[in-house]
Amino acid sequence: MSWIVQVISLMGAGLVLGAYFALQRRVWTSTGNSYLWFNFLGALLLTVVAVVDRRLGFMVLEAAWAAISAWAILGRRSNVAPARGR
């Protein structure tokens, strides 16, 4: 079981760090879907690992990170104007 937790944690870290790298290289913007989804999914995976390992500080950090990312994703969806028909 512990190797599964390690794989999940590496995937989560990879997603968050990949998003940060793409942002720093100006490949993605901080409001782009890819950046927001990578952050959300990475933080969600790391939250699972924190819960399994019973690490309260990391639970709070990662759950907040996931919640803030989800809020940005949902806010972005509500701000998207509907497409106009021809």
PDB file of N, CA and C in Angstrom:
ATOM      1  N   MET A   1       0.821  -1.201   0.000  1.00  0.00           N
ATOM      2  CA  MET A   1       0.000   0.000   0.000  1.00  0.00           C
ATOM      3  C   MET A   1       0.861   1.259   0.000  1.00  0.00           C
ATOM      4  N   SER A   2       2.002   1.240   0.690  1.00  0.00           N
ATOM      5  CA  SER A   2       2.799   2.459   0.801  1.00  0.00           C
ATOM      6  C   SER A   2       3.365   2.888  -0.552  1.00  0.00           C
ATOM      7  N   TRP A   3       3.659   1.951  -1.439  1.00  0.00           N
ATOM      8  CA  TRP A   3       4.180   2.342  -2.751  1.00  0.00           C
ATOM      9  C   TRP A   3       3.101   3.042  -3.571  1.00  0.00           C
ATOM     10  N   ILE A   4       1.838   2.660  -3.370  1.00  0.00           N
ATOM     11  CA  ILE A   4       0.735   3.325  -4.070  1.00  0.00           C
ATOM     12  C   ILE A   4       0.639   4.783  -3.613  1.00  0.00           C
ATOM     13  N   VAL A   5       0.772   4.992  -2.309  1.00  0.00           N
ATOM     14  CA  VAL A   5       0.733   6.356  -1.761  1.00  0.00           C
ATOM     15  C   VAL A   5       1.891   7.177  -2.327  1.00  0.00           C
ATOM     16  N   GLN A   6       3.059   6.559  -2.456  1.00  0.00           N
ATOM     17  CA  GLN A   6       4.215   7.262  -3.019  1.00  0.00           C
ATOM     18  C   GLN A   6       3.968   7.655  -4.476  1.00  0.00           C
ATOM     19  N   VAL A   7       3.380   6.749  -5.249  1.00  0.00           N
ATOM     20  CA  VAL A   7       3.087   7.041  -6.655  1.00  0.00           C
ATOM     21  C   VAL A   7       2.073   8.181  -6.753  1.00  0.00           C
ATOM     22  N   ILE A   8       1.028   8.132  -5.916  1.00  0.00           N
ATOM     23  CA  ILE A   8       0.014   9.194  -5.916  1.00  0.00           C
ATOM     24  C   ILE A   8       0.647  10.534  -5.549  1.00  0.00           C
ATOM     25  N   SER A   9       1.534  10.515  -4.544  1.00  0.00           N
ATOM     26  CA  SER A   9       2.166  11.773  -4.133  1.00  0.00           C
ATOM     27  C   SER A   9       3.071  12.320  -5.233  1.00  0.00           C
ATOM     28  N   LEU A  10       3.782  11.452  -5.932  1.00  0.00           N
ATOM     29  CA  LEU A  10       4.636  11.909  -7.030  1.00  0.00           C
ATOM     30  C   LEU A  10       3.809  12.461  -8.188  1.00  0.00           C
ATOM     31  N   MET A  11       2.683  11.829  -8.473  1.00  0.00           N
ATOM     32  CA  MET A  11       1.798  12.340  -9.524  1.00  0.00           C
ATOM     33  C   MET A  11       1.261  13.721  -9.144  1.00  0.00           C
ATOM     34  N   GLY A  12       0.812  13.870  -7.900  1.00  0.00           N
ATOM     35  CA  GLY A  12       0.296  15.157  -7.439  1.00  0.00           C
ATOM     36  C   GLY A  12       1.347  16.245  -7.496  1.00  0.00           C
ATOM     37  N   ALA A  13       2.542  15.921  -7.001  1.00  0.00           N
ATOM     38  CA  ALA A  13       3.626  16.899  -7.031  1.00  0.00           C
ATOM     39  C   ALA A  13       3.998  17.252  -8.468  1.00  0.00           C
ATOM     40  N   GLY A  14       4.013  16.256  -9.338  1.00  0.00           N
ATOM     41  CA  GLY A  14       4.329  16.496 -10.745  1.00  0.00           C
ATOM     42  C   GLY A  14       3.333  17.431 -11.409  1.00  0.00           C
ATOM     43  N   LEU A  15       2.053  17.248 -11.096  1.00  0.00           N
ATOM     44  CA  LEU A  15       1.026  18.120 -11.676  1.00  0.00           C
ATOM     45  C   LEU A  15       1.179  19.562 -11.194  1.00  0.00           C
ATOM     46  N   VAL A  16       1.360  19.740  -9.889  1.00  0.00           N
ATOM     47  CA  VAL A  16       1.497  21.096  -9.335  1.00  0.00           C
ATOM     48  C   VAL A  16       2.776  21.762  -9.848  1.00  0.00           C
ATOM     49  N   LEU A  17       3.872  21.024  -9.820  1.00  0.00           N
ATOM     50  CA  LEU A  17       5.134  21.601 -10.284  1.00  0.00           C
ATOM     51  C   LEU A  17       5.134  21.834 -11.792  1.00  0.00           C
ATOM     52  N   GLY A  18       4.489  20.949 -12.535  1.00  0.00           N
ATOM     53  CA  GLY A  18       4.373  21.143 -13.981  1.00  0.00           C
ATOM     54  C   GLY A  18       3.594  22.406 -14.315  1.00  0.00           C
ATOM     55  N   ALA A  19       2.518  22.636 -13.576  1.00  0.00           N
ATOM     56  CA  ALA A  19       1.722  23.849 -13.778  1.00  0.00           C
ATOM     57  C   ALA A  19       2.548  25.090 -13.455  1.00  0.00           C
ATOM     58  N   TYR A  20       3.282  25.031 -12.359  1.00  0.00           N
ATOM     59  CA  TYR A  20       4.117  26.166 -11.959  1.00  0.00           C
ATOM     60  C   TYR A  20       5.210  26.431 -12.999  1.00  0.00           C
ATOM     61  N   PHE A  21       5.828  25.369 -13.489  1.00  0.00           N
ATOM     62  CA  PHE A  21       6.868  25.503 -14.505  1.00  0.00           C
ATOM     63  C   PHE A  21       6.304  26.142 -15.777  1.00  0.00           C
ATOM     64  N   ALA A  22       5.149  25.641 -16.224  1.00  0.00           N
ATOM     65  CA  ALA A  22       4.521  26.189 -17.437  1.00  0.00           C
ATOM     66  C   ALA A  22       4.141  27.660 -17.249  1.00  0.00           C
ATOM     67  N   LEU A  23       3.722  28.013 -16.044  1.00  0.00           N
ATOM     68  CA  LEU A  23       3.389  29.408 -15.749  1.00  0.00           C
ATOM     69  C   LEU A  23       4.645  30.278 -15.807  1.00  0.00           C
ATOM     70  N   GLN A  24       5.734  29.816 -15.191  1.00  0.00           N
ATOM     71  CA  GLN A  24       6.974  30.588 -15.169  1.00  0.00           C
ATOM     72  C   GLN A  24       7.579  30.744 -16.562  1.00  0.00           C
ATOM     73  N   ARG A  25       7.402  29.740 -17.404  1.00  0.00           N
ATOM     74  CA  ARG A  25       7.919  29.791 -18.775  1.00  0.00           C
ATOM     75  C   ARG A  25       6.971  30.533 -19.713  1.00  0.00           C
ATOM     76  N   ARG A  26       5.854  30.997 -19.164  1.00  0.00           N
ATOM     77  CA  ARG A  26       4.817  31.720 -19.916  1.00  0.00           C
ATOM     78  C   ARG A  26       4.185  30.869 -21.022  1.00  0.00           C
ATOM     79  N   VAL A  27       4.171  29.568 -20.780  1.00  0.00           N
ATOM     80  CA  VAL A  27       3.467  28.659 -21.679  1.00  0.00           C
ATOM     81  C   VAL A  27       1.978  28.718 -21.354  1.00  0.00           C
ATOM     82  N   TRP A  28       1.670  28.806 -20.061  1.00  0.00           N
ATOM     83  CA  TRP A  28       0.291  28.921 -19.585  1.00  0.00           C
ATOM     84  C   TRP A  28       0.127  30.236 -18.834  1.00  0.00           C
ATOM     85  N   THR A  29      -1.132  30.665 -18.690  1.00  0.00           N
ATOM     86  CA  THR A  29      -1.443  31.833 -17.861  1.00  0.00           C
ATOM     87  C   THR A  29      -2.091  31.338 -16.570  1.00  0.00           C
ATOM     88  N   SER A  30      -2.099  32.179 -15.577  1.00  0.00           N
ATOM     89  CA  SER A  30      -2.657  31.783 -14.278  1.00  0.00           C
ATOM     90  C   SER A  30      -4.171  31.624 -14.311  1.00  0.00           C
ATOM     91  N   THR A  31      -4.803  32.073 -15.368  1.00  0.00           N
ATOM     92  CA  THR A  31      -6.258  31.918 -15.486  1.00  0.00           C
ATOM     93  C   THR A  31      -6.646  30.887 -16.542  1.00  0.00           C
ATOM     94  N   GLY A  32      -5.666  30.244 -17.141  1.00  0.00           N
ATOM     95  CA  GLY A  32      -5.948  29.252 -18.179  1.00  0.00           C
ATOM     96  C   GLY A  32      -6.456  27.938 -17.604  1.00  0.00           C
ATOM     97  N   ASN A  33      -7.259  27.240 -18.386  1.00  0.00           N
ATOM     98  CA  ASN A  33      -7.832  25.968 -17.943  1.00  0.00           C
ATOM     99  C   ASN A  33      -6.778  24.937 -17.569  1.00  0.00           C
ATOM    100  N   SER A  34      -5.743  24.799 -18.371  1.00  0.00           N
ATOM    101  CA  SER A  34      -4.710  23.794 -18.094  1.00  0.00           C
ATOM    102  C   SER A  34      -4.049  24.052 -16.743  1.00  0.00           C
ATOM    103  N   TYR A  35      -3.657  25.301 -16.517  1.00  0.00           N
ATOM    104  CA  TYR A  35      -3.014  25.656 -15.249  1.00  0.00           C
ATOM    105  C   TYR A  35      -3.935  25.366 -14.068  1.00  0.00           C
ATOM    106  N   LEU A  36      -5.182  25.793 -14.166  1.00  0.00           N
ATOM    107  CA  LEU A  36      -6.130  25.601 -13.068  1.00  0.00           C
ATOM    108  C   LEU A  36      -6.402  24.124 -12.810  1.00  0.00           C
ATOM    109  N   TRP A  37      -6.595  23.347 -13.862  1.00  0.00           N
ATOM    110  CA  TRP A  37      -6.888  21.920 -13.684  1.00  0.00           C
ATOM    111  C   TRP A  37      -5.684  21.149 -13.149  1.00  0.00           C
ATOM    112  N   PHE A  38      -4.487  21.452 -13.635  1.00  0.00           N
ATOM    113  CA  PHE A  38      -3.299  20.779 -13.109  1.00  0.00           C
ATOM    114  C   PHE A  38      -3.142  21.079 -11.621  1.00  0.00           C
ATOM    115  N   ASN A  39      -3.336  22.342 -11.236  1.00  0.00           N
ATOM    116  CA  ASN A  39      -3.244  22.711  -9.826  1.00  0.00           C
ATOM    117  C   ASN A  39      -4.292  21.979  -8.997  1.00  0.00           C
ATOM    118  N   PHE A  40      -5.527  21.971  -9.473  1.00  0.00           N
ATOM    119  CA  PHE A  40      -6.614  21.318  -8.742  1.00  0.00           C
ATOM    120  C   PHE A  40      -6.353  19.825  -8.576  1.00  0.00           C
ATOM    121  N   LEU A  41      -6.057  19.136  -9.662  1.00  0.00           N
ATOM    122  CA  LEU A  41      -5.853  17.686  -9.582  1.00  0.00           C
ATOM    123  C   LEU A  41      -4.614  17.326  -8.762  1.00  0.00           C
ATOM    124  N   GLY A  42      -3.545  18.089  -8.922  1.00  0.00           N
ATOM    125  CA  GLY A  42      -2.341  17.846  -8.131  1.00  0.00           C
ATOM    126  C   GLY A  42      -2.591  18.033  -6.646  1.00  0.00           C
ATOM    127  N   ALA A  43      -3.261  19.112  -6.297  1.00  0.00           N
ATOM    128  CA  ALA A  43      -3.572  19.376  -4.886  1.00  0.00           C
ATOM    129  C   ALA A  43      -4.524  18.327  -4.330  1.00  0.00           C
ATOM    130  N   LEU A  44      -5.466  17.883  -5.140  1.00  0.00           N
ATOM    131  CA  LEU A  44      -6.399  16.846  -4.698  1.00  0.00           C
ATOM    132  C   LEU A  44      -5.656  15.544  -4.394  1.00  0.00           C
ATOM    133  N   LEU A  45      -4.748  15.144  -5.269  1.00  0.00           N
ATOM    134  CA  LEU A  45      -3.962  13.933  -5.024  1.00  0.00           C
ATOM    135  C   LEU A  45      -3.102  14.081  -3.770  1.00  0.00           C
ATOM    136  N   LEU A  46      -2.490  15.234  -3.596  1.00  0.00           N
ATOM    137  CA  LEU A  46      -1.665  15.453  -2.407  1.00  0.00           C
ATOM    138  C   LEU A  46      -2.508  15.517  -1.135  1.00  0.00           C
ATOM    139  N   THR A  47      -3.744  15.971  -1.244  1.00  0.00           N
ATOM    140  CA  THR A  47      -4.653  15.953  -0.095  1.00  0.00           C
ATOM    141  C   THR A  47      -4.938  14.519   0.323  1.00  0.00           C
ATOM    142  N   VAL A  48      -5.170  13.652  -0.645  1.00  0.00           N
ATOM    143  CA  VAL A  48      -5.413  12.235  -0.344  1.00  0.00           C
ATOM    144  C   VAL A  48      -4.224  11.648   0.403  1.00  0.00           C
ATOM    145  N   VAL A  49      -3.024  11.933  -0.067  1.00  0.00           N
ATOM    146  CA  VAL A  49      -1.816  11.430   0.589  1.00  0.00           C
ATOM    147  C   VAL A  49      -1.704  11.978   2.009  1.00  0.00           C
ATOM    148  N   ALA A  50      -1.989  13.258   2.200  1.00  0.00           N
ATOM    149  CA  ALA A  50      -1.923  13.865   3.533  1.00  0.00           C
ATOM    150  C   ALA A  50      -2.925  13.227   4.482  1.00  0.00           C
ATOM    151  N   VAL A  51      -4.106  12.907   3.983  1.00  0.00           N
ATOM    152  CA  VAL A  51      -5.123  12.259   4.821  1.00  0.00           C
ATOM    153  C   VAL A  51      -4.672  10.851   5.194  1.00  0.00           C
ATOM    154  N   VAL A  52      -4.173  10.104   4.219  1.00  0.00           N
ATOM    155  CA  VAL A  52      -3.713   8.736   4.480  1.00  0.00           C
ATOM    156  C   VAL A  52      -2.587   8.744   5.510  1.00  0.00           C
ATOM    157  N   ASP A  53      -1.668   9.694   5.387  1.00  0.00           N
ATOM    158  CA  ASP A  53      -0.533   9.788   6.313  1.00  0.00           C
ATOM    159  C   ASP A  53      -0.852  10.544   7.599  1.00  0.00           C
ATOM    160  N   ARG A  54      -2.067  11.061   7.707  1.00  0.00           N
ATOM    161  CA  ARG A  54      -2.515  11.820   8.889  1.00  0.00           C
ATOM    162  C   ARG A  54      -1.594  13.003   9.197  1.00  0.00           C
ATOM    163  N   ARG A  55      -1.336  13.791   8.180  1.00  0.00           N
ATOM    164  CA  ARG A  55      -0.501  14.995   8.313  1.00  0.00           C
ATOM    165  C   ARG A  55      -1.408  16.214   8.274  1.00  0.00           C
ATOM    166  N   LEU A  56      -1.798  16.695   9.436  1.00  0.00           N
ATOM    167  CA  LEU A  56      -2.795  17.757   9.540  1.00  0.00           C
ATOM    168  C   LEU A  56      -2.393  19.030   8.796  1.00  0.00           C
ATOM    169  N   GLY A  57      -1.169  19.459   8.954  1.00  0.00           N
ATOM    170  CA  GLY A  57      -0.715  20.676   8.275  1.00  0.00           C
ATOM    171  C   GLY A  57      -0.821  20.559   6.768  1.00  0.00           C
ATOM    172  N   PHE A  58      -0.402  19.419   6.241  1.00  0.00           N
ATOM    173  CA  PHE A  58      -0.489  19.209   4.800  1.00  0.00           C
ATOM    174  C   PHE A  58      -1.924  19.008   4.346  1.00  0.00           C
ATOM    175  N   MET A  59      -2.759  18.423   5.196  1.00  0.00           N
ATOM    176  CA  MET A  59      -4.184  18.295   4.860  1.00  0.00           C
ATOM    177  C   MET A  59      -4.792  19.675   4.638  1.00  0.00           C
ATOM    178  N   VAL A  60      -4.522  20.579   5.568  1.00  0.00           N
ATOM    179  CA  VAL A  60      -5.065  21.938   5.471  1.00  0.00           C
ATOM    180  C   VAL A  60      -4.515  22.636   4.224  1.00  0.00           C
ATOM    181  N   LEU A  61      -3.205  22.574   4.038  1.00  0.00           N
ATOM    182  CA  LEU A  61      -2.573  23.226   2.894  1.00  0.00           C
ATOM    183  C   LEU A  61      -3.121  22.706   1.571  1.00  0.00           C
ATOM    184  N   GLU A  62      -3.127  21.411   1.394  1.00  0.00           N
ATOM    185  CA  GLU A  62      -3.536  20.834   0.110  1.00  0.00           C
ATOM    186  C   GLU A  62      -5.040  20.940  -0.121  1.00  0.00           C
ATOM    187  N   ALA A  63      -5.831  20.781   0.935  1.00  0.00           N
ATOM    188  CA  ALA A  63      -7.285  20.935   0.780  1.00  0.00           C
ATOM    189  C   ALA A  63      -7.620  22.377   0.400  1.00  0.00           C
ATOM    190  N   ALA A  64      -6.936  23.340   1.021  1.00  0.00           N
ATOM    191  CA  ALA A  64      -7.156  24.750   0.676  1.00  0.00           C
ATOM    192  C   ALA A  64      -6.710  25.019  -0.760  1.00  0.00           C
ATOM    193  N   TRP A  65      -5.587  24.463  -1.149  1.00  0.00           N
ATOM    194  CA  TRP A  65      -5.073  24.645  -2.509  1.00  0.00           C
ATOM    195  C   TRP A  65      -6.073  24.091  -3.521  1.00  0.00           C
ATOM    196  N   ALA A  66      -6.600  22.899  -3.254  1.00  0.00           N
ATOM    197  CA  ALA A  66      -7.591  22.285  -4.147  1.00  0.00           C
ATOM    198  C   ALA A  66      -8.876  23.114  -4.184  1.00  0.00           C
ATOM    199  N   ALA A  67      -9.319  23.591  -3.026  1.00  0.00           N
ATOM    200  CA  ALA A  67     -10.558  24.379  -2.963  1.00  0.00           C
ATOM    201  C   ALA A  67     -10.411  25.700  -3.719  1.00  0.00           C
ATOM    202  N   ILE A  68      -9.284  26.366  -3.549  1.00  0.00           N
ATOM    203  CA  ILE A  68      -9.049  27.629  -4.247  1.00  0.00           C
ATOM    204  C   ILE A  68      -8.982  27.396  -5.758  1.00  0.00           C
ATOM    205  N   SER A  69      -8.329  26.319  -6.169  1.00  0.00           N
ATOM    206  CA  SER A  69      -8.257  25.989  -7.598  1.00  0.00           C
ATOM    207  C   SER A  69      -9.638  25.669  -8.153  1.00  0.00           C
ATOM    208  N   ALA A  70     -10.425  24.904  -7.398  1.00  0.00           N
ATOM    209  CA  ALA A  70     -11.786  24.566  -7.840  1.00  0.00           C
ATOM    210  C   ALA A  70     -12.632  25.829  -7.950  1.00  0.00           C
ATOM    211  N   TRP A  71     -12.487  26.728  -6.995  1.00  0.00           N
ATOM    212  CA  TRP A  71     -13.228  27.991  -7.009  1.00  0.00           C
ATOM    213  C   TRP A  71     -12.877  28.789  -8.271  1.00  0.00           C
ATOM    214  N   ALA A  72     -11.591  28.819  -8.618  1.00  0.00           N
ATOM    215  CA  ALA A  72     -11.165  29.532  -9.826  1.00  0.00           C
ATOM    216  C   ALA A  72     -11.739  28.877 -11.082  1.00  0.00           C
ATOM    217  N   ILE A  73     -11.758  27.547 -11.113  1.00  0.00           N
ATOM    218  CA  ILE A  73     -12.320  26.833 -12.266  1.00  0.00           C
ATOM    219  C   ILE A  73     -13.807  27.131 -12.392  1.00  0.00           C
ATOM    220  N   LEU A  74     -14.531  27.032 -11.293  1.00  0.00           N
ATOM    221  CA  LEU A  74     -15.971  27.280 -11.326  1.00  0.00           C
ATOM    222  C   LEU A  74     -16.279  28.738 -11.645  1.00  0.00           C
ATOM    223  N   GLY A  75     -15.496  29.660 -11.114  1.00  0.00           N
ATOM    224  CA  GLY A  75     -15.675  31.077 -11.410  1.00  0.00           C
ATOM    225  C   GLY A  75     -15.405  31.376 -12.868  1.00  0.00           C
ATOM    226  N   ARG A  76     -14.442  30.705 -13.432  1.00  0.00           N
ATOM    227  CA  ARG A  76     -14.110  30.892 -14.849  1.00  0.00           C
ATOM    228  C   ARG A  76     -15.255  30.415 -15.726  1.00  0.00           C
ATOM    229  N   ARG A  77     -15.869  29.312 -15.349  1.00  0.00           N
ATOM    230  CA  ARG A  77     -16.991  28.790 -16.132  1.00  0.00           C
ATOM    231  C   ARG A  77     -18.169  29.750 -16.123  1.00  0.00           C
ATOM    232  N   SER A  78     -18.425  30.384 -14.983  1.00  0.00           N
ATOM    233  CA  SER A  78     -19.572  31.291 -14.904  1.00  0.00           C
ATOM    234  C   SER A  78     -19.310  32.608 -15.637  1.00  0.00           C
ATOM    235  N   ASN A  79     -18.038  32.931 -15.882  1.00  0.00           N
ATOM    236  CA  ASN A  79     -17.690  34.168 -16.588  1.00  0.00           C
ATOM    237  C   ASN A  79     -17.584  33.990 -18.096  1.00  0.00           C
ATOM    238  N   VAL A  80     -17.652  32.757 -18.566  1.00  0.00           N
ATOM    239  CA  VAL A  80     -17.528  32.505 -20.000  1.00  0.00           C
ATOM    240  C   VAL A  80     -18.835  32.876 -20.681  1.00  0.00           C
ATOM    241  N   ALA A  81     -18.744  33.756 -21.653  1.00  0.00           N
ATOM    242  CA  ALA A  81     -19.944  34.195 -22.376  1.00  0.00           C
ATOM    243  C   ALA A  81     -20.411  33.085 -23.307  1.00  0.00           C
ATOM    244  N   PRO A  82     -21.723  32.888 -23.403  1.00  0.00           N
ATOM    245  CA  PRO A  82     -22.224  31.866 -24.318  1.00  0.00           C
ATOM    246  C   PRO A  82     -21.919  32.237 -25.768  1.00  0.00           C
ATOM    247  N   ALA A  83     -21.686  31.217 -26.584  1.00  0.00           N
ATOM    248  CA  ALA A  83     -21.388  31.448 -28.001  1.00  0.00           C
ATOM    249  C   ALA A  83     -22.627  31.968 -28.716  1.00  0.00           C
ATOM    250  N   ARG A  84     -22.413  32.915 -29.606  1.00  0.00           N
ATOM    251  CA  ARG A  84     -23.530  33.476 -30.374  1.00  0.00           C
ATOM    252  C   ARG A  84     -23.769  32.627 -31.611  1.00  0.00           C
ATOM    253  N   GLY A  85     -25.024  32.422 -31.914  1.00  0.00           N
ATOM    254  CA  GLY A  85     -25.374  31.691 -33.134  1.00  0.00           C
ATOM    255  C   GLY A  85     -25.290  32.603 -34.339  1.00  0.00           C
ATOM    256  N   ARG A  86     -25.218  32.022 -35.508  1.00  0.00           N
ATOM    257  CA  ARG A  86     -25.120  32.839 -36.734  1.00  0.00           C
ATOM    258  C   ARG A  86     -26.468  33.171 -37.260  1.00  0.00           C
TER     259      ARG A  86
END
